[in-house]
């Protein structure tokens, strides 16, 4: 249910320090990745709800989020640009 999620603005992470600047828990290690969890993000303009840029070198997880409104051709609920450091699981994607 949408009521189980915390409303949040779209997220754009372009540098490792953005995780701490945005107060996501974790330290970026394999043992304690930064955690983006339990959020409801609706894209107001059709772009991606979460964008993780190619310069990220820390570990992160995106889980149990409700992502909606990414309707543009080049958009998706979660957009990972040349990423290998993160995982996405148990998220709901709605157009």
Foldseek 3Di string as FASTA:
>chain_A
DLVQAAEDEAEEAAEQCVLVVVPFDFDQAPVTRGEAERYEYEHPPLAARYEYHPHYDGAYEYEHYEFERNHDPPHFNYHYYNDDRYYYDHYHYYD
